Amino acid sequence: IENAGNSVIVVLKDVSTGVTVSIKTVAGSVGTASVAIGTVVTVIADASGHAIMASGKVIAFIPNEIGKSLIYSKKAAERGARS
């Protein structure tokens, strides 16, 4: 776990394969999940993406193409209307 301003970078490593993944998330979400070295992290696949969970709480959500199409941002919509 590394601090990066108002966010935290959580580095996940699969012990059996050696694969490493880094996830940048809001500092508060990791703090409430009590993520520490050795914490078991679960990845749940859904039709709209993957939820990363630690200590029973979602610490990150990585949307796939379907999930990205469902995300609505008022700022992005306003920018598109001005173009």
N, C-alpha and C. Protein backbone atom coordinates (compact mmCIF):
# COMPACT_ATOMS: atom_id res chain seq x y z
N ILE A 1 0.85 -1.17 0.00
CA ILE A 1 0.00 0.00 0.00
C ILE A 1 0.90 1.23 0.00
N GLU A 2 0.66 2.15 -0.95
CA GLU A 2 1.45 3.37 -1.07
C GLU A 2 0.52 4.58 -1.14
N ASN A 3 0.84 5.63 -0.38
CA ASN A 3 0.06 6.87 -0.44
C ASN A 3 0.43 7.65 -1.69
N ALA A 4 -0.60 8.24 -2.33
CA ALA A 4 -0.38 9.07 -3.51
C ALA A 4 -1.34 10.24 -3.44
N GLY A 5 -1.06 11.20 -2.56
CA GLY A 5 -1.95 12.35 -2.39
C GLY A 5 -3.23 11.93 -1.69
N ASN A 6 -4.39 12.20 -2.31
CA ASN A 6 -5.68 11.83 -1.74
C ASN A 6 -6.08 10.40 -2.10
N SER A 7 -5.19 9.68 -2.75
CA SER A 7 -5.50 8.31 -3.14
C SER A 7 -4.44 7.37 -2.61
N VAL A 8 -4.73 6.09 -2.75
CA VAL A 8 -3.83 5.05 -2.29
C VAL A 8 -3.64 4.07 -3.43
N ILE A 9 -2.43 3.60 -3.61
CA ILE A 9 -2.15 2.58 -4.61
C ILE A 9 -2.00 1.26 -3.86
N VAL A 10 -2.88 0.32 -4.17
CA VAL A 10 -2.84 -1.01 -3.57
C VAL A 10 -2.21 -1.94 -4.58
N VAL A 11 -1.12 -2.59 -4.19
CA VAL A 11 -0.43 -3.52 -5.08
C VAL A 11 -0.84 -4.93 -4.67
N LEU A 12 -1.43 -5.66 -5.62
CA LEU A 12 -1.88 -7.02 -5.36
C LEU A 12 -0.95 -7.98 -6.08
N LYS A 13 -0.54 -9.05 -5.39
CA LYS A 13 0.35 -10.03 -5.99
C LYS A 13 -0.19 -11.42 -5.74
N ASP A 14 -0.30 -12.19 -6.81
CA ASP A 14 -0.72 -13.59 -6.71
C ASP A 14 0.52 -14.40 -6.38
N VAL A 15 0.53 -15.01 -5.21
CA VAL A 15 1.70 -15.74 -4.75
C VAL A 15 2.00 -16.93 -5.66
N SER A 16 0.98 -17.61 -6.14
CA SER A 16 1.21 -18.81 -6.93
C SER A 16 1.75 -18.52 -8.34
N THR A 17 1.31 -17.42 -8.97
CA THR A 17 1.75 -17.12 -10.33
C THR A 17 2.76 -15.97 -10.40
N GLY A 18 2.84 -15.17 -9.36
CA GLY A 18 3.74 -14.03 -9.36
C GLY A 18 3.20 -12.81 -10.09
N VAL A 19 1.95 -12.87 -10.55
CA VAL A 19 1.34 -11.75 -11.27
C VAL A 19 1.08 -10.61 -10.27
N THR A 20 1.44 -9.39 -10.68
CA THR A 20 1.25 -8.21 -9.84
C THR A 20 0.33 -7.22 -10.55
N VAL A 21 -0.63 -6.66 -9.79
CA VAL A 21 -1.58 -5.67 -10.31
C VAL A 21 -1.61 -4.52 -9.33
N SER A 22 -1.63 -3.28 -9.84
CA SER A 22 -1.74 -2.09 -9.00
C SER A 22 -3.10 -1.45 -9.22
N ILE A 23 -3.75 -1.05 -8.12
CA ILE A 23 -5.06 -0.40 -8.18
C ILE A 23 -4.95 0.92 -7.43
N LYS A 24 -5.32 2.02 -8.09
CA LYS A 24 -5.34 3.33 -7.45
C LYS A 24 -6.78 3.61 -7.03
N THR A 25 -6.98 3.90 -5.74
CA THR A 25 -8.32 4.13 -5.22
C THR A 25 -8.31 5.28 -4.23
N VAL A 26 -9.47 5.76 -3.86
CA VAL A 26 -9.61 6.85 -2.89
C VAL A 26 -9.13 6.35 -1.53
N ALA A 27 -8.36 7.17 -0.84
CA ALA A 27 -7.75 6.77 0.42
C ALA A 27 -8.78 6.31 1.44
N GLY A 28 -9.93 6.94 1.52
CA GLY A 28 -10.95 6.57 2.50
C GLY A 28 -11.50 5.17 2.31
N SER A 29 -11.63 4.72 1.08
CA SER A 29 -12.20 3.40 0.84
C SER A 29 -11.28 2.29 1.33
N VAL A 30 -9.99 2.48 1.20
CA VAL A 30 -9.05 1.48 1.67
C VAL A 30 -8.95 1.51 3.19
N GLY A 31 -9.00 2.70 3.77
CA GLY A 31 -8.91 2.81 5.22
C GLY A 31 -10.03 2.10 5.93
N THR A 32 -11.24 2.18 5.40
CA THR A 32 -12.37 1.52 6.05
C THR A 32 -12.33 0.02 5.86
N ALA A 33 -11.62 -0.46 4.85
CA ALA A 33 -11.54 -1.90 4.60
C ALA A 33 -10.38 -2.53 5.37
N SER A 34 -9.56 -1.74 6.03
CA SER A 34 -8.42 -2.24 6.79
C SER A 34 -7.53 -3.13 5.94
N VAL A 35 -7.14 -2.64 4.78
CA VAL A 35 -6.28 -3.41 3.90
C VAL A 35 -4.85 -3.29 4.41
N ALA A 36 -4.19 -4.42 4.58
CA ALA A 36 -2.81 -4.45 5.03
C ALA A 36 -2.09 -5.56 4.29
N ILE A 37 -0.80 -5.62 4.47
CA ILE A 37 -0.03 -6.68 3.82
C ILE A 37 -0.56 -8.02 4.30
N GLY A 38 -0.83 -8.90 3.35
CA GLY A 38 -1.33 -10.23 3.67
C GLY A 38 -2.85 -10.33 3.70
N THR A 39 -3.56 -9.22 3.52
CA THR A 39 -5.02 -9.24 3.52
C THR A 39 -5.51 -10.00 2.30
N VAL A 40 -6.49 -10.88 2.49
CA VAL A 40 -7.07 -11.61 1.38
C VAL A 40 -7.98 -10.66 0.60
N VAL A 41 -7.77 -10.62 -0.71
CA VAL A 41 -8.56 -9.77 -1.59
C VAL A 41 -9.33 -10.67 -2.54
N THR A 42 -10.61 -10.37 -2.73
CA THR A 42 -11.47 -11.17 -3.60
C THR A 42 -11.85 -10.34 -4.82
N VAL A 43 -11.80 -10.96 -5.99
CA VAL A 43 -12.23 -10.30 -7.22
C VAL A 43 -13.51 -10.98 -7.67
N ILE A 44 -14.57 -10.19 -7.85
CA ILE A 44 -15.86 -10.72 -8.27
C ILE A 44 -16.18 -10.19 -9.66
N ALA A 45 -16.36 -11.12 -10.60
CA ALA A 45 -16.69 -10.74 -11.97
C ALA A 45 -18.19 -10.55 -12.09
N ASP A 46 -18.58 -9.51 -12.78
CA ASP A 46 -19.98 -9.17 -13.00
C ASP A 46 -20.14 -8.84 -14.48
N ALA A 47 -21.35 -8.77 -14.96
CA ALA A 47 -21.58 -8.44 -16.37
C ALA A 47 -21.05 -7.06 -16.73
N SER A 48 -20.92 -6.16 -15.74
CA SER A 48 -20.47 -4.80 -16.02
C SER A 48 -19.02 -4.53 -15.62
N GLY A 49 -18.32 -5.52 -15.07
CA GLY A 49 -16.93 -5.32 -14.69
C GLY A 49 -16.50 -6.22 -13.56
N HIS A 50 -15.47 -5.79 -12.83
CA HIS A 50 -14.91 -6.56 -11.73
C HIS A 50 -14.90 -5.72 -10.45
N ALA A 51 -15.38 -6.29 -9.36
CA ALA A 51 -15.34 -5.63 -8.06
C ALA A 51 -14.19 -6.24 -7.26
N ILE A 52 -13.34 -5.39 -6.69
CA ILE A 52 -12.24 -5.84 -5.85
C ILE A 52 -12.66 -5.61 -4.42
N MET A 53 -12.69 -6.69 -3.62
CA MET A 53 -13.18 -6.60 -2.25
C MET A 53 -12.11 -7.02 -1.26
N ALA A 54 -12.06 -6.32 -0.12
CA ALA A 54 -11.17 -6.66 0.99
C ALA A 54 -11.95 -6.44 2.27
N SER A 55 -11.88 -7.38 3.17
CA SER A 55 -12.58 -7.30 4.45
C SER A 55 -14.08 -7.07 4.27
N GLY A 56 -14.66 -7.66 3.22
CA GLY A 56 -16.09 -7.56 2.98
C GLY A 56 -16.56 -6.25 2.38
N LYS A 57 -15.62 -5.37 1.99
CA LYS A 57 -16.00 -4.08 1.42
C LYS A 57 -15.37 -3.92 0.04
N VAL A 58 -16.11 -3.27 -0.86
CA VAL A 58 -15.58 -3.01 -2.20
C VAL A 58 -14.58 -1.87 -2.10
N ILE A 59 -13.34 -2.12 -2.54
CA ILE A 59 -12.33 -1.07 -2.52
C ILE A 59 -12.09 -0.50 -3.91
N ALA A 60 -12.52 -1.22 -4.94
CA ALA A 60 -12.37 -0.72 -6.31
C ALA A 60 -13.34 -1.45 -7.22
N PHE A 61 -13.75 -0.76 -8.29
CA PHE A 61 -14.57 -1.38 -9.33
C PHE A 61 -13.94 -1.04 -10.66
N ILE A 62 -13.67 -2.06 -11.45
CA ILE A 62 -13.05 -1.86 -12.76
C ILE A 62 -14.10 -2.23 -13.81
N PRO A 63 -14.68 -1.21 -14.46
CA PRO A 63 -15.73 -1.49 -15.43
C PRO A 63 -15.17 -2.06 -16.74
N ASN A 64 -15.94 -2.95 -17.36
CA ASN A 64 -15.59 -3.41 -18.71
C ASN A 64 -16.31 -2.48 -19.69
N GLU A 65 -16.39 -2.86 -20.96
CA GLU A 65 -17.03 -1.99 -21.95
C GLU A 65 -18.51 -1.75 -21.63
N ILE A 66 -19.21 -2.78 -21.16
CA ILE A 66 -20.62 -2.61 -20.79
C ILE A 66 -20.73 -1.66 -19.61
N GLY A 67 -19.88 -1.83 -18.60
CA GLY A 67 -19.89 -0.96 -17.43
C GLY A 67 -19.57 0.48 -17.77
N LYS A 68 -18.61 0.67 -18.67
CA LYS A 68 -18.25 2.03 -19.08
C LYS A 68 -19.43 2.72 -19.77
N SER A 69 -20.20 1.95 -20.54
CA SER A 69 -21.35 2.56 -21.23
C SER A 69 -22.46 2.94 -20.25
N LEU A 70 -22.47 2.34 -19.06
CA LEU A 70 -23.50 2.63 -18.07
C LEU A 70 -23.13 3.79 -17.15
N ILE A 71 -21.86 4.17 -17.15
CA ILE A 71 -21.40 5.25 -16.27
C ILE A 71 -21.80 6.58 -16.90
N TYR A 72 -22.45 7.40 -16.11
CA TYR A 72 -22.92 8.70 -16.59
C TYR A 72 -22.18 9.79 -15.83
N SER A 73 -21.65 10.74 -16.53
CA SER A 73 -20.99 11.88 -15.92
C SER A 73 -21.64 13.14 -16.45
N LYS A 74 -22.20 13.95 -15.56
CA LYS A 74 -22.85 15.19 -15.97
C LYS A 74 -21.85 16.11 -16.67
N LYS A 75 -20.61 16.19 -16.15
CA LYS A 75 -19.60 17.04 -16.77
C LYS A 75 -19.30 16.58 -18.19
N ALA A 76 -19.16 15.29 -18.39
CA ALA A 76 -18.88 14.77 -19.73
C ALA A 76 -20.04 15.05 -20.67
N ALA A 77 -21.26 14.90 -20.17
CA ALA A 77 -22.45 15.17 -21.00
C ALA A 77 -22.51 16.64 -21.39
N GLU A 78 -22.17 17.55 -20.47
CA GLU A 78 -22.18 18.97 -20.75
C GLU A 78 -21.11 19.34 -21.76
N ARG A 79 -19.92 18.72 -21.67
CA ARG A 79 -18.86 18.96 -22.63
C ARG A 79 -19.27 18.51 -24.03
N GLY A 80 -19.95 17.35 -24.10
CA GLY A 80 -20.40 16.83 -25.38
C GLY A 80 -21.45 17.73 -26.02
N ALA A 81 -22.29 18.35 -25.19
CA ALA A 81 -23.34 19.23 -25.72
C ALA A 81 -22.74 20.52 -26.28
N ARG A 82 -21.61 20.98 -25.72
CA ARG A 82 -20.97 22.20 -26.17
C ARG A 82 -20.20 22.00 -27.47
N SER A 83 -19.79 20.79 -27.75
CA SER A 83 -18.95 20.53 -28.94
C SER A 83 -19.73 20.65 -30.22
